[in-house]
């Protein structure tokens, strides 16, 4: 796709509310035909990793809490809603929801961004287990872990939009 605006419109949302990543990848000439999920993902991840810590923190903070306020209010992006539903997070019992709410609150207070996990292939139990483990991480380890999860999420999203090869 040689049209910058078209590329940004189509793929600017794969990193949650952060079209600047797609813009930078396109502007650096890293996006070339044919558009394939792998090369586009690598180009966009390179821009994400090259960004300042504050910019990357902004991407982390753009992600919603799992089974949180936005989900209840129906205000998730279509991608986030589908991803959370796929992991069963839209069908939690009151007790499970309370557990997620408590963990979300503790995690956000500890790290300054919401808990992020690429939920594809997970269910509520494996997500809770990861939550319990990762909440004990030191801040730098968790920042890097969350960035890796953001990249995985973007990869899954791109794979649903573009051919692999």
Protein backbone atom coordinates (compact mmCIF):
# COMPACT_ATOMS: atom_id res chain seq x y z
CA UNK A 1 0.00 0.00 0.00
CA UNK A 2 1.66 3.18 -1.11
CA UNK A 3 -1.04 5.42 0.35
CA UNK A 4 0.06 6.64 3.79
CA UNK A 5 -3.41 7.65 4.96
CA UNK A 6 -4.89 4.35 3.84
CA UNK A 7 -2.20 2.40 5.66
CA UNK A 8 -2.68 4.39 8.86
CA UNK A 9 -6.46 3.99 8.66
CA UNK A 10 -6.19 0.24 8.13
CA UNK A 11 -3.37 -0.63 10.54
CA UNK A 12 -2.88 2.34 12.86
CA UNK A 13 -4.98 0.74 15.59
CA UNK A 14 -3.09 -2.53 15.99
CA UNK A 15 -1.11 -0.90 18.78
CA UNK A 16 -3.96 0.26 21.04
CA UNK A 17 -4.85 3.92 20.32
CA UNK A 18 -1.31 4.54 19.02
CA UNK A 19 -1.36 5.25 15.27
CA UNK A 20 1.98 7.06 15.56
CA UNK A 21 3.70 3.66 15.44
CA UNK A 22 2.24 2.87 12.00
CA UNK A 23 2.95 6.44 10.88
CA UNK A 24 6.63 6.21 11.80
CA UNK A 25 7.06 2.79 10.21
CA UNK A 26 5.46 4.03 6.98
CA UNK A 27 7.41 7.31 6.98
CA UNK A 28 10.73 5.46 7.38
CA UNK A 29 9.99 3.40 4.28
CA UNK A 30 9.70 0.17 6.27
CA UNK A 31 6.27 -0.63 4.82
CA UNK A 32 6.63 -2.03 1.32
CA UNK A 33 4.43 -4.15 -0.92
CA UNK A 34 3.32 -6.78 -0.68
CA UNK A 35 1.86 -6.15 2.75
CA UNK A 36 2.39 -9.27 4.82
CA UNK A 37 1.70 -9.65 8.53
CA UNK A 38 5.26 -10.62 9.49
CA UNK A 39 7.19 -7.79 7.85
CA UNK A 40 4.61 -5.16 8.82
CA UNK A 41 4.67 -6.44 12.41
CA UNK A 42 8.48 -6.34 12.55
CA UNK A 43 8.55 -2.79 11.14
CA UNK A 44 5.97 -1.56 13.61
CA UNK A 45 7.62 -3.31 16.57
CA UNK A 46 10.93 -1.68 15.62
CA UNK A 47 9.26 1.73 15.88
CA UNK A 48 7.64 0.83 19.18
CA UNK A 49 11.00 -0.33 20.60
CA UNK A 50 12.80 2.75 19.24
CA UNK A 51 10.30 5.08 20.93
CA UNK A 52 11.10 6.83 24.17
CA UNK A 53 10.17 5.18 27.44
CA UNK A 54 7.43 7.79 27.92
CA UNK A 55 5.97 7.01 24.48
CA UNK A 56 5.99 3.28 25.19
CA UNK A 57 4.44 3.93 28.60
CA UNK A 58 1.69 5.83 26.77
CA UNK A 59 0.99 2.76 24.66
CA UNK A 60 0.81 0.59 27.79
CA UNK A 61 -1.53 3.07 29.46
CA UNK A 62 -3.78 3.10 26.36
CA UNK A 63 -4.71 -0.54 27.03
CA UNK A 64 -7.90 -1.26 28.99
CA UNK A 65 -8.08 -3.17 32.25
CA UNK A 66 -8.99 -6.81 31.71
CA UNK A 67 -12.67 -7.25 32.53
CA UNK A 68 -12.61 -3.69 33.84
CA UNK A 69 -14.69 -0.52 33.75
CA UNK A 70 -14.55 -0.05 29.99
CA UNK A 71 -15.71 -3.62 29.37
CA UNK A 72 -18.67 -3.16 31.70
CA UNK A 73 -19.56 0.16 30.09
CA UNK A 74 -19.22 -1.34 26.59
CA UNK A 75 -16.45 1.12 25.70
CA UNK A 76 -13.67 -1.23 24.60
CA UNK A 77 -12.30 -1.06 21.08
CA UNK A 78 -13.76 -3.76 18.86
CA UNK A 79 -10.43 -5.62 18.95
CA UNK A 80 -10.18 -5.52 22.74
CA UNK A 81 -13.81 -6.58 23.15
CA UNK A 82 -13.35 -9.55 20.84
CA UNK A 83 -10.05 -10.55 22.47
CA UNK A 84 -11.44 -10.39 26.00
CA UNK A 85 -14.59 -12.28 24.98
CA UNK A 86 -12.46 -14.96 23.34
CA UNK A 87 -10.81 -15.59 26.71
CA UNK A 88 -14.17 -15.71 28.50
CA UNK A 89 -13.67 -12.42 30.32
CA UNK A 90 -17.15 -11.29 29.32
CA UNK A 91 -18.67 -14.21 31.25
CA UNK A 92 -17.14 -13.88 34.72
CA UNK A 93 -19.01 -14.67 37.90
CA UNK A 94 -19.38 -11.87 40.46
CA UNK A 95 -16.56 -13.43 42.50
CA UNK A 96 -14.26 -13.71 39.48
CA UNK A 97 -15.01 -10.14 38.47
CA UNK A 98 -14.19 -8.95 41.99
CA UNK A 99 -10.87 -10.83 41.78
CA UNK A 100 -9.99 -9.19 38.47
CA UNK A 101 -10.97 -5.78 39.83
CA UNK A 102 -8.74 -6.24 42.89
CA UNK A 103 -5.79 -7.42 40.80
CA UNK A 104 -6.28 -4.60 38.27
CA UNK A 105 -6.27 -2.03 41.08
CA UNK A 106 -3.18 -3.49 42.76
CA UNK A 107 -1.30 -3.88 39.50
CA UNK A 108 -2.05 -0.34 38.30
CA UNK A 109 -0.98 1.08 41.66
CA UNK A 110 2.25 -0.94 41.55
CA UNK A 111 3.30 -0.33 37.94
CA UNK A 112 1.41 2.73 36.67
CA UNK A 113 -0.21 0.94 33.71
CA UNK A 114 -2.85 -1.79 33.36
CA UNK A 115 -2.01 -5.48 33.30
CA UNK A 116 -1.48 -6.46 29.67
CA UNK A 117 -1.49 -9.98 28.31
CA UNK A 118 -2.10 -11.25 24.80
CA UNK A 119 -5.21 -13.24 25.73
CA UNK A 120 -5.31 -15.40 22.59
CA UNK A 121 -4.88 -18.98 23.72
CA UNK A 122 -5.65 -18.09 27.33
CA UNK A 123 -8.71 -18.51 29.49
CA UNK A 124 -9.69 -16.71 32.67
CA UNK A 125 -7.75 -19.19 34.83
CA UNK A 126 -4.47 -18.90 32.94
CA UNK A 127 -4.85 -15.12 32.83
CA UNK A 128 -5.40 -15.00 36.60
CA UNK A 129 -2.35 -17.23 37.11
CA UNK A 130 -0.22 -14.88 34.97
CA UNK A 131 -1.65 -11.90 36.85
CA UNK A 132 -0.71 -13.47 40.21
CA UNK A 133 2.82 -14.25 39.02
CA UNK A 134 3.56 -10.98 37.26
CA UNK A 135 2.27 -8.71 40.02
CA UNK A 136 5.37 -9.82 41.95
CA UNK A 137 7.77 -8.63 39.24
CA UNK A 138 10.05 -5.64 39.71
CA UNK A 139 8.95 -2.55 37.74
CA UNK A 140 11.57 -2.83 34.98
CA UNK A 141 10.90 -6.53 34.36
CA UNK A 142 7.18 -5.88 34.22
CA UNK A 143 7.58 -2.90 31.88
CA UNK A 144 9.53 -5.08 29.45
CA UNK A 145 7.09 -7.97 29.85
CA UNK A 146 4.12 -5.69 29.16
CA UNK A 147 5.87 -4.25 26.08
CA UNK A 148 6.39 -7.78 24.78
CA UNK A 149 2.71 -8.57 25.34
CA UNK A 150 1.71 -5.41 23.44
CA UNK A 151 3.83 -6.59 20.53
CA UNK A 152 2.18 -10.02 20.63
CA UNK A 153 -1.28 -8.40 20.61
CA UNK A 154 -0.29 -6.27 17.60
CA UNK A 155 0.98 -9.41 15.85
CA UNK A 156 -2.29 -11.25 16.40
CA UNK A 157 -4.23 -8.24 15.14
CA UNK A 158 -2.08 -7.90 12.03
CA UNK A 159 -2.39 -11.63 11.34
CA UNK A 160 -6.14 -11.22 11.27
CA UNK A 161 -5.85 -8.37 8.76
CA UNK A 162 -3.00 -9.41 6.45
CA UNK A 163 -1.77 -12.63 4.86
CA UNK A 164 1.22 -14.30 6.49
CA UNK A 165 3.04 -15.08 3.25
